[in-house]
Amino acid sequence: MIQLKILSRLDVETYISVLKTLDPKMLLQMAGTGYSYPIKPEQIINEMLAPTHIHFKYYNEGLEYIVGYCQLKDIDEKGKTARMARVMILPEYRGRGYSKAMLEQLLTYSRDVLNLEKVTLRVFDFNLPALKAYTSLGFHQQSVEDIYQKSINETWTLLTLERTL
């Protein structure tokens, strides 16, 4: 059975090795400018230690393989909100419905464990598979912003979506 599990320090090297397999544009799309490259374990661990962040792996415990990763960031217990971030299904598992299943578990965790009432996320408009998954889960667009990606000299359109839990 594949389940959402909180990422531990023991998982950091595997996570980084997955990130290193991504082409530069995909890495920028998934990890954003919040990391400096090359990504080092300390960056991930420092983020994991932040009380407003939780990193997850989507893991098949019986067969011991990872299908994907995701995060909750900017967790606000008083405002009962958080932002989903760095959602990724490994390339070899894409197109099988894993992203929707992983996100459903993340939304359930957000509501039932963290008692959140609203979750937001940001996604680039060209990421059509992700947009399809998010809208199928009830996310609605809240804002649009053009972001200049200096490292590749391109402007990307960033959408902010939200969903009430």
Protein backbone atom coordinates (compact mmCIF):
# COMPACT_ATOMS: atom_id res chain seq x y z
CA MET A 1 0.00 0.00 0.00
CA ILE A 2 1.28 3.45 -0.91
CA GLN A 3 0.97 6.01 1.86
CA LEU A 4 2.04 9.52 2.71
CA LYS A 5 4.84 9.46 5.29
CA ILE A 6 6.71 12.33 6.92
CA LEU A 7 10.19 12.63 5.45
CA SER A 8 12.98 11.89 7.93
CA ARG A 9 16.61 12.97 7.92
CA LEU A 10 17.44 9.48 6.67
CA ASP A 11 15.44 10.25 3.50
CA VAL A 12 17.23 13.48 2.61
CA GLU A 13 20.04 11.97 0.50
CA THR A 14 17.51 9.96 -1.54
CA TYR A 15 15.38 13.09 -2.03
CA ILE A 16 18.41 15.06 -3.23
CA SER A 17 19.48 12.25 -5.56
CA VAL A 18 16.00 12.40 -7.16
CA LEU A 19 16.22 16.19 -7.53
CA LYS A 20 19.61 15.82 -9.23
CA THR A 21 18.03 13.68 -11.97
CA LEU A 22 15.74 16.51 -13.06
CA ASP A 23 16.70 18.77 -15.95
CA PRO A 24 17.35 22.40 -14.87
CA LYS A 25 13.93 23.71 -15.99
CA MET A 26 12.06 20.90 -14.24
CA LEU A 27 14.11 21.43 -11.08
CA LEU A 28 13.34 25.15 -11.16
CA GLN A 29 9.67 24.40 -11.75
CA MET A 30 9.49 21.90 -8.87
CA ALA A 31 11.91 23.27 -6.30
CA GLY A 32 11.77 26.97 -7.15
CA THR A 33 14.30 29.62 -6.30
CA GLY A 34 14.13 28.87 -2.57
CA TYR A 35 17.11 26.53 -2.85
CA SER A 36 20.62 27.34 -3.98
CA TYR A 37 22.11 24.92 -6.47
CA PRO A 38 23.56 22.41 -6.21
CA ILE A 39 21.15 21.43 -3.46
CA LYS A 40 22.88 20.29 -0.29
CA PRO A 41 21.43 18.19 2.57
CA GLU A 42 21.66 21.14 4.99
CA GLN A 43 19.18 23.12 2.90
CA ILE A 44 16.58 20.38 3.11
CA ILE A 45 17.25 19.63 6.79
CA ASN A 46 17.02 23.32 7.75
CA GLU A 47 13.68 23.55 5.99
CA MET A 48 12.50 20.34 7.67
CA LEU A 49 13.32 21.85 11.07
CA ALA A 50 11.10 24.88 10.47
CA PRO A 51 7.94 24.54 12.59
CA THR A 52 5.83 25.79 9.68
CA HIS A 53 6.99 23.12 7.19
CA ILE A 54 6.36 19.39 6.81
CA HIS A 55 8.06 17.33 4.09
CA PHE A 56 6.44 14.09 2.94
CA LYS A 57 7.31 11.12 0.81
CA TYR A 58 4.70 9.02 -0.96
CA TYR A 59 5.99 5.59 -0.14
CA ASN A 60 5.16 1.95 -0.88
CA GLU A 61 6.03 0.44 2.47
CA GLY A 62 5.67 -3.20 1.42
CA LEU A 63 7.88 -2.95 -1.64
CA GLU A 64 10.04 -0.15 -0.22
CA TYR A 65 10.02 2.36 -3.05
CA ILE A 66 9.19 6.05 -3.23
CA VAL A 67 6.59 7.24 -5.73
CA GLY A 68 6.77 10.98 -5.02
CA TYR A 69 7.28 13.89 -2.65
CA CYS A 70 5.31 16.89 -1.43
CA GLN A 71 5.36 19.52 1.30
CA LEU A 72 3.13 21.66 3.43
CA LYS A 73 4.68 25.09 3.94
CA ASP A 74 3.67 28.25 5.75
CA ILE A 75 1.45 26.28 8.13
CA ASP A 76 -0.58 28.82 10.09
CA GLU A 77 -2.38 27.14 12.99
CA LYS A 78 -4.24 30.31 13.98
CA GLY A 79 -5.35 31.13 10.45
CA LYS A 80 -5.91 27.41 9.76
CA THR A 81 -4.11 27.60 6.42
CA ALA A 82 -1.06 26.14 4.68
CA ARG A 83 0.47 26.01 1.23
CA MET A 84 1.17 22.80 -0.64
CA ALA A 85 4.54 22.92 -2.35
CA ARG A 86 7.17 20.94 -4.20
CA VAL A 87 4.73 18.31 -5.37
CA MET A 88 6.46 15.71 -7.52
CA ILE A 89 5.72 12.22 -8.75
CA LEU A 90 8.86 10.45 -9.96
CA PRO A 91 8.92 10.22 -13.77
CA GLU A 92 8.56 6.44 -13.89
CA TYR A 93 5.26 6.62 -11.92
CA ARG A 94 3.59 9.50 -13.78
CA GLY A 95 0.33 8.97 -15.63
CA ARG A 96 -0.94 6.34 -13.18
CA GLY A 97 -3.09 8.51 -10.90
CA TYR A 98 -0.53 8.68 -8.10
CA SER A 99 -0.48 12.49 -7.89
CA LYS A 100 -4.21 12.70 -7.23
CA ALA A 101 -4.04 9.90 -4.65
CA MET A 102 -1.04 11.51 -2.92
CA LEU A 103 -2.72 14.92 -2.85
CA GLU A 104 -5.95 13.43 -1.48
CA GLN A 105 -3.92 11.98 1.41
CA LEU A 106 -2.18 15.34 1.91
CA LEU A 107 -5.53 17.17 2.03
CA THR A 108 -6.91 14.61 4.49
CA TYR A 109 -3.81 15.06 6.68
CA SER A 110 -4.19 18.84 6.48
CA ARG A 111 -7.82 18.67 7.60
CA ASP A 112 -7.78 15.78 10.08
CA VAL A 113 -4.35 16.06 11.69
CA LEU A 114 -3.54 19.78 11.41
CA ASN A 115 -7.16 20.98 11.58
CA LEU A 116 -6.64 23.31 8.64
CA GLU A 117 -9.55 24.90 6.84
CA LYS A 118 -7.85 26.08 3.63
CA VAL A 119 -4.88 25.01 1.52
CA THR A 120 -3.29 27.03 -1.25
CA LEU A 121 -0.70 26.12 -3.86
CA ARG A 122 1.20 27.75 -6.68
CA VAL A 123 1.66 26.18 -10.09
CA PHE A 124 2.95 27.38 -13.44
CA ASP A 125 0.29 27.64 -16.13
CA PHE A 126 2.16 25.34 -18.53
CA ASN A 127 2.09 22.45 -16.03
CA LEU A 128 -1.13 21.03 -17.45
CA PRO A 129 -1.01 17.60 -15.74
CA ALA A 130 -0.67 19.28 -12.34
CA LEU A 131 -3.44 21.78 -13.11
CA LYS A 132 -5.72 18.91 -14.12
CA ALA A 133 -5.00 17.06 -10.86
CA TYR A 134 -5.49 20.19 -8.72
CA THR A 135 -8.77 21.24 -10.34
CA SER A 136 -10.10 17.68 -10.09
CA LEU A 137 -9.51 17.96 -6.34
CA GLY A 138 -11.56 21.16 -6.10
CA PHE A 139 -8.84 23.82 -6.25
CA HIS A 140 -9.85 27.15 -7.78
CA GLN A 141 -7.65 29.92 -9.18
CA GLN A 142 -7.18 32.93 -6.92
CA SER A 143 -4.48 34.96 -8.66
CA VAL A 144 -2.06 35.16 -11.60
CA GLU A 145 1.47 36.54 -11.56
CA ASP A 146 4.26 36.66 -14.14
CA ILE A 147 7.61 35.53 -12.71
CA TYR A 148 10.90 36.25 -14.44
CA GLN A 149 13.24 33.26 -14.18
CA LYS A 150 16.60 34.99 -14.38
CA SER A 151 18.63 31.77 -14.54
CA ILE A 152 16.99 30.78 -17.85
CA ASN A 153 15.95 34.24 -19.10
CA GLU A 154 12.24 33.36 -19.35
CA THR A 155 9.01 34.69 -17.87
CA TRP A 156 6.60 32.08 -16.51
CA THR A 157 2.99 32.64 -15.46
CA LEU A 158 2.37 31.52 -11.89
CA LEU A 159 -1.15 30.66 -10.74
CA THR A 160 -2.23 30.60 -7.10
CA LEU A 161 -4.98 28.11 -6.39
CA GLU A 162 -6.89 27.43 -3.18
CA ARG A 163 -9.28 24.94 -1.74
CA THR A 164 -11.42 24.95 1.36
CA LEU A 165 -11.18 21.72 3.32
